[in-house]
Amino acid sequence: MAADTNTKVRIDKWLWAARFFKTRSMAAKAVSGGKVHLDQARVKASRLVTVGDRLHIRRHDVEFVVDVVGLAVKRGPATTAQALYEETKESIADRDKMRAEQKAERLVSGQMKPPKRPGKRDRRLIKKFIRK
């Protein structure tokens, strides 16, 4: 349920409603832990968000840079949540670049792993090699 554009919403509540975090307490911990910045400044969970604010949200290895387009007090469907923010083009490009790098890294590291688990003969050879 979208709120009026003139109202303000707590940042932890907005992050939860926009589905960046599964629970409101996780959103509050992320904000207090310095994972969320409002206009390049660290904020508290009680900080009020208005339409037009720019948020830098770090979740695991991924960083989102979003502009607040709408406000919501309650958590709704995913389509409604996606309508609350607009991700910047630079943020999307950075995430795509990081995803491609991780995929390339997995391919390289996958070539170094053995194609299958060692069999009985292979285990014996490994034990013989280690004991020398």
C-alpha atoms as a PDB file:
ATOM      1  CA  MET A   1       0.000   0.000   0.000  1.00  0.00           C
ATOM      2  CA  ALA A   2       1.736   3.153  -1.174  1.00  0.00           C
ATOM      3  CA  ALA A   3       1.630   6.174   1.053  1.00  0.00           C
ATOM      4  CA  ASP A   4       1.159   9.776   0.009  1.00  0.00           C
ATOM      5  CA  THR A   5       4.285  11.325  -1.559  1.00  0.00           C
ATOM      6  CA  ASN A   6       4.340  14.117   1.045  1.00  0.00           C
ATOM      7  CA  THR A   7       4.669  11.732   3.992  1.00  0.00           C
ATOM      8  CA  LYS A   8       7.863  10.278   5.380  1.00  0.00           C
ATOM      9  CA  VAL A   9       8.675   6.681   6.326  1.00  0.00           C
ATOM     10  CA  ARG A  10      11.378   5.220   8.562  1.00  0.00           C
ATOM     11  CA  ILE A  11      14.292   3.894   6.516  1.00  0.00           C
ATOM     12  CA  ASP A  12      14.173   0.415   8.058  1.00  0.00           C
ATOM     13  CA  LYS A  13      10.462   0.154   7.345  1.00  0.00           C
ATOM     14  CA  TRP A  14      10.953   1.331   3.747  1.00  0.00           C
ATOM     15  CA  LEU A  15      13.791  -1.164   3.118  1.00  0.00           C
ATOM     16  CA  TRP A  16      11.565  -3.936   4.419  1.00  0.00           C
ATOM     17  CA  ALA A  17       8.581  -2.796   2.332  1.00  0.00           C
ATOM     18  CA  ALA A  18      10.791  -2.488  -0.777  1.00  0.00           C
ATOM     19  CA  ARG A  19      11.936  -6.093  -0.165  1.00  0.00           C
ATOM     20  CA  PHE A  20      15.638  -5.411   0.211  1.00  0.00           C
ATOM     21  CA  PHE A  21      15.542  -7.319   3.504  1.00  0.00           C
ATOM     22  CA  LYS A  22      13.355 -10.198   4.625  1.00  0.00           C
ATOM     23  CA  THR A  23      12.459  -8.774   8.014  1.00  0.00           C
ATOM     24  CA  ARG A  24      12.317  -5.296   9.461  1.00  0.00           C
ATOM     25  CA  SER A  25      14.790  -6.236  12.174  1.00  0.00           C
ATOM     26  CA  MET A  26      17.301  -7.356   9.506  1.00  0.00           C
ATOM     27  CA  ALA A  27      16.829  -4.005   7.803  1.00  0.00           C
ATOM     28  CA  ALA A  28      17.378  -2.164  11.094  1.00  0.00           C
ATOM     29  CA  LYS A  29      20.557  -4.165  11.777  1.00  0.00           C
ATOM     30  CA  ALA A  30      21.855  -3.397   8.283  1.00  0.00           C
ATOM     31  CA  VAL A  31      21.209   0.316   8.745  1.00  0.00           C
ATOM     32  CA  SER A  32      22.827   0.444  12.181  1.00  0.00           C
ATOM     33  CA  GLY A  33      25.705  -1.705  10.889  1.00  0.00           C
ATOM     34  CA  GLY A  34      26.589   0.850   8.221  1.00  0.00           C
ATOM     35  CA  LYS A  35      25.311  -1.151   5.229  1.00  0.00           C
ATOM     36  CA  VAL A  36      22.855   1.566   4.200  1.00  0.00           C
ATOM     37  CA  HIS A  37      23.780   5.160   3.400  1.00  0.00           C
ATOM     38  CA  LEU A  38      21.417   8.013   2.600  1.00  0.00           C
ATOM     39  CA  ASP A  39      22.985  10.589   0.275  1.00  0.00           C
ATOM     40  CA  GLN A  40      26.509   9.286   1.105  1.00  0.00           C
ATOM     41  CA  ALA A  41      25.922   9.621   4.865  1.00  0.00           C
ATOM     42  CA  ARG A  42      25.523   6.871   7.434  1.00  0.00           C
ATOM     43  CA  VAL A  43      22.093   6.965   9.090  1.00  0.00           C
ATOM     44  CA  LYS A  44      20.140   5.460  11.959  1.00  0.00           C
ATOM     45  CA  ALA A  45      17.163   3.120  11.500  1.00  0.00           C
ATOM     46  CA  SER A  46      14.774   5.838  12.663  1.00  0.00           C
ATOM     47  CA  ARG A  47      15.825   8.241   9.883  1.00  0.00           C
ATOM     48  CA  LEU A  48      12.905   9.311   7.706  1.00  0.00           C
ATOM     49  CA  VAL A  49      13.040   8.715   3.966  1.00  0.00           C
ATOM     50  CA  THR A  50      11.337  10.978   1.447  1.00  0.00           C
ATOM     51  CA  VAL A  51      10.753  10.689  -2.281  1.00  0.00           C
ATOM     52  CA  GLY A  52      13.883  11.702  -4.182  1.00  0.00           C
ATOM     53  CA  ASP A  53      16.432  10.403  -1.666  1.00  0.00           C
ATOM     54  CA  ARG A  54      19.340   8.328  -2.976  1.00  0.00           C
ATOM     55  CA  LEU A  55      20.190   5.188  -1.000  1.00  0.00           C
ATOM     56  CA  HIS A  56      23.349   3.080  -1.170  1.00  0.00           C
ATOM     57  CA  ILE A  57      22.402  -0.407   0.051  1.00  0.00           C
ATOM     58  CA  ARG A  58      25.012  -3.125   0.558  1.00  0.00           C
ATOM     59  CA  ARG A  59      23.717  -6.681   0.844  1.00  0.00           C
ATOM     60  CA  HIS A  60      26.370  -9.421   1.046  1.00  0.00           C
ATOM     61  CA  ASP A  61      28.723  -8.675  -1.885  1.00  0.00           C
ATOM     62  CA  VAL A  62      26.165  -6.702  -3.878  1.00  0.00           C
ATOM     63  CA  GLU A  63      25.699  -2.932  -3.705  1.00  0.00           C
ATOM     64  CA  PHE A  64      22.540  -1.234  -4.916  1.00  0.00           C
ATOM     65  CA  VAL A  65      22.269   2.494  -5.606  1.00  0.00           C
ATOM     66  CA  VAL A  66      18.598   3.405  -5.763  1.00  0.00           C
ATOM     67  CA  ASP A  67      16.481   6.532  -5.901  1.00  0.00           C
ATOM     68  CA  VAL A  68      13.336   6.510  -3.781  1.00  0.00           C
ATOM     69  CA  VAL A  69      10.331   6.940  -6.078  1.00  0.00           C
ATOM     70  CA  GLY A  70       7.515   5.952  -3.738  1.00  0.00           C
ATOM     71  CA  LEU A  71       6.848   5.302  -0.078  1.00  0.00           C
ATOM     72  CA  ALA A  72       5.107   2.392   1.589  1.00  0.00           C
ATOM     73  CA  VAL A  73       4.287   1.662   5.193  1.00  0.00           C
ATOM     74  CA  LYS A  74       3.225  -1.953   4.633  1.00  0.00           C
ATOM     75  CA  ARG A  75       4.957  -4.734   2.744  1.00  0.00           C
ATOM     76  CA  GLY A  76       3.085  -5.730  -0.388  1.00  0.00           C
ATOM     77  CA  PRO A  77       3.634  -7.813  -3.505  1.00  0.00           C
ATOM     78  CA  ALA A  78       6.974  -7.753  -5.307  1.00  0.00           C
ATOM     79  CA  THR A  79       5.596  -5.670  -8.184  1.00  0.00           C
ATOM     80  CA  THR A  80       4.487  -2.988  -5.733  1.00  0.00           C
ATOM     81  CA  ALA A  81       7.861  -3.131  -3.972  1.00  0.00           C
ATOM     82  CA  GLN A  82       9.754  -2.662  -7.237  1.00  0.00           C
ATOM     83  CA  ALA A  83       7.682   0.430  -7.960  1.00  0.00           C
ATOM     84  CA  LEU A  84       9.017   2.079  -4.775  1.00  0.00           C
ATOM     85  CA  TYR A  85      12.534   2.596  -6.130  1.00  0.00           C
ATOM     86  CA  GLU A  86      14.488   3.077  -9.322  1.00  0.00           C
ATOM     87  CA  GLU A  87      17.977   1.623  -9.532  1.00  0.00           C
ATOM     88  CA  THR A  88      20.598   3.764 -11.230  1.00  0.00           C
ATOM     89  CA  LYS A  89      22.131   2.640 -14.513  1.00  0.00           C
ATOM     90  CA  GLU A  90      25.627   2.702 -13.003  1.00  0.00           C
ATOM     91  CA  SER A  91      24.497   0.355 -10.237  1.00  0.00           C
ATOM     92  CA  ILE A  92      22.985  -2.092 -12.726  1.00  0.00           C
ATOM     93  CA  ALA A  93      26.151  -2.000 -14.858  1.00  0.00           C
ATOM     94  CA  ASP A  94      28.372  -2.578 -11.807  1.00  0.00           C
ATOM     95  CA  ARG A  95      26.274  -5.547 -10.673  1.00  0.00           C
ATOM     96  CA  ASP A  96      26.359  -7.064 -14.186  1.00  0.00           C
ATOM     97  CA  LYS A  97      30.130  -6.598 -14.331  1.00  0.00           C
ATOM     98  CA  MET A  98      30.589  -8.214 -10.914  1.00  0.00           C
ATOM     99  CA  ARG A  99      28.318 -11.110 -11.897  1.00  0.00           C
ATOM    100  CA  ALA A 100      30.363 -11.701 -15.072  1.00  0.00           C
ATOM    101  CA  GLU A 101      33.625 -11.629 -13.081  1.00  0.00           C
ATOM    102  CA  GLN A 102      32.258 -14.150 -10.577  1.00  0.00           C
ATOM    103  CA  LYS A 103      31.110 -16.411 -13.397  1.00  0.00           C
ATOM    104  CA  ALA A 104      34.554 -16.272 -15.028  1.00  0.00           C
ATOM    105  CA  GLU A 105      36.179 -16.982 -11.675  1.00  0.00           C
ATOM    106  CA  ARG A 106      33.952 -20.018 -11.147  1.00  0.00           C
ATOM    107  CA  LEU A 107      34.866 -21.321 -14.598  1.00  0.00           C
ATOM    108  CA  VAL A 108      38.589 -20.948 -13.905  1.00  0.00           C
ATOM    109  CA  SER A 109      38.395 -22.503 -10.450  1.00  0.00           C
ATOM    110  CA  GLY A 110      36.169 -25.285 -11.804  1.00  0.00           C
ATOM    111  CA  GLN A 111      38.927 -26.350 -14.200  1.00  0.00           C
ATOM    112  CA  MET A 112      41.337 -26.802 -11.319  1.00  0.00           C
ATOM    113  CA  LYS A 113      39.033 -29.200  -9.444  1.00  0.00           C
ATOM    114  CA  PRO A 114      39.073 -32.888 -10.302  1.00  0.00           C
ATOM    115  CA  PRO A 115      36.207 -33.882 -12.597  1.00  0.00           C
ATOM    116  CA  LYS A 116      35.010 -36.571 -10.167  1.00  0.00           C
ATOM    117  CA  ARG A 117      35.654 -37.981  -6.724  1.00  0.00           C
ATOM    118  CA  PRO A 118      38.691 -40.214  -6.410  1.00  0.00           C
ATOM    119  CA  GLY A 119      38.062 -43.939  -6.672  1.00  0.00           C
ATOM    120  CA  LYS A 120      39.610 -46.700  -4.591  1.00  0.00           C
ATOM    121  CA  ARG A 121      42.792 -46.840  -6.691  1.00  0.00           C
ATOM    122  CA  ASP A 122      43.117 -43.054  -6.674  1.00  0.00           C
ATOM    123  CA  ARG A 123      42.746 -42.922  -2.879  1.00  0.00           C
ATOM    124  CA  ARG A 124      45.467 -45.541  -2.498  1.00  0.00           C
ATOM    125  CA  LEU A 125      47.778 -43.528  -4.741  1.00  0.00           C
ATOM    126  CA  ILE A 126      47.035 -40.367  -2.787  1.00  0.00           C
ATOM    127  CA  LYS A 127      47.763 -42.086   0.547  1.00  0.00           C
ATOM    128  CA  LYS A 128      50.982 -43.527  -0.873  1.00  0.00           C
ATOM    129  CA  PHE A 129      52.009 -40.089  -2.114  1.00  0.00           C
ATOM    130  CA  ILE A 130      51.256 -38.393   1.234  1.00  0.00           C
ATOM    131  CA  ARG A 131      53.130 -40.985   3.307  1.00  0.00           C
ATOM    132  CA  LYS A 132      56.387 -40.498   1.382  1.00  0.00           C
END
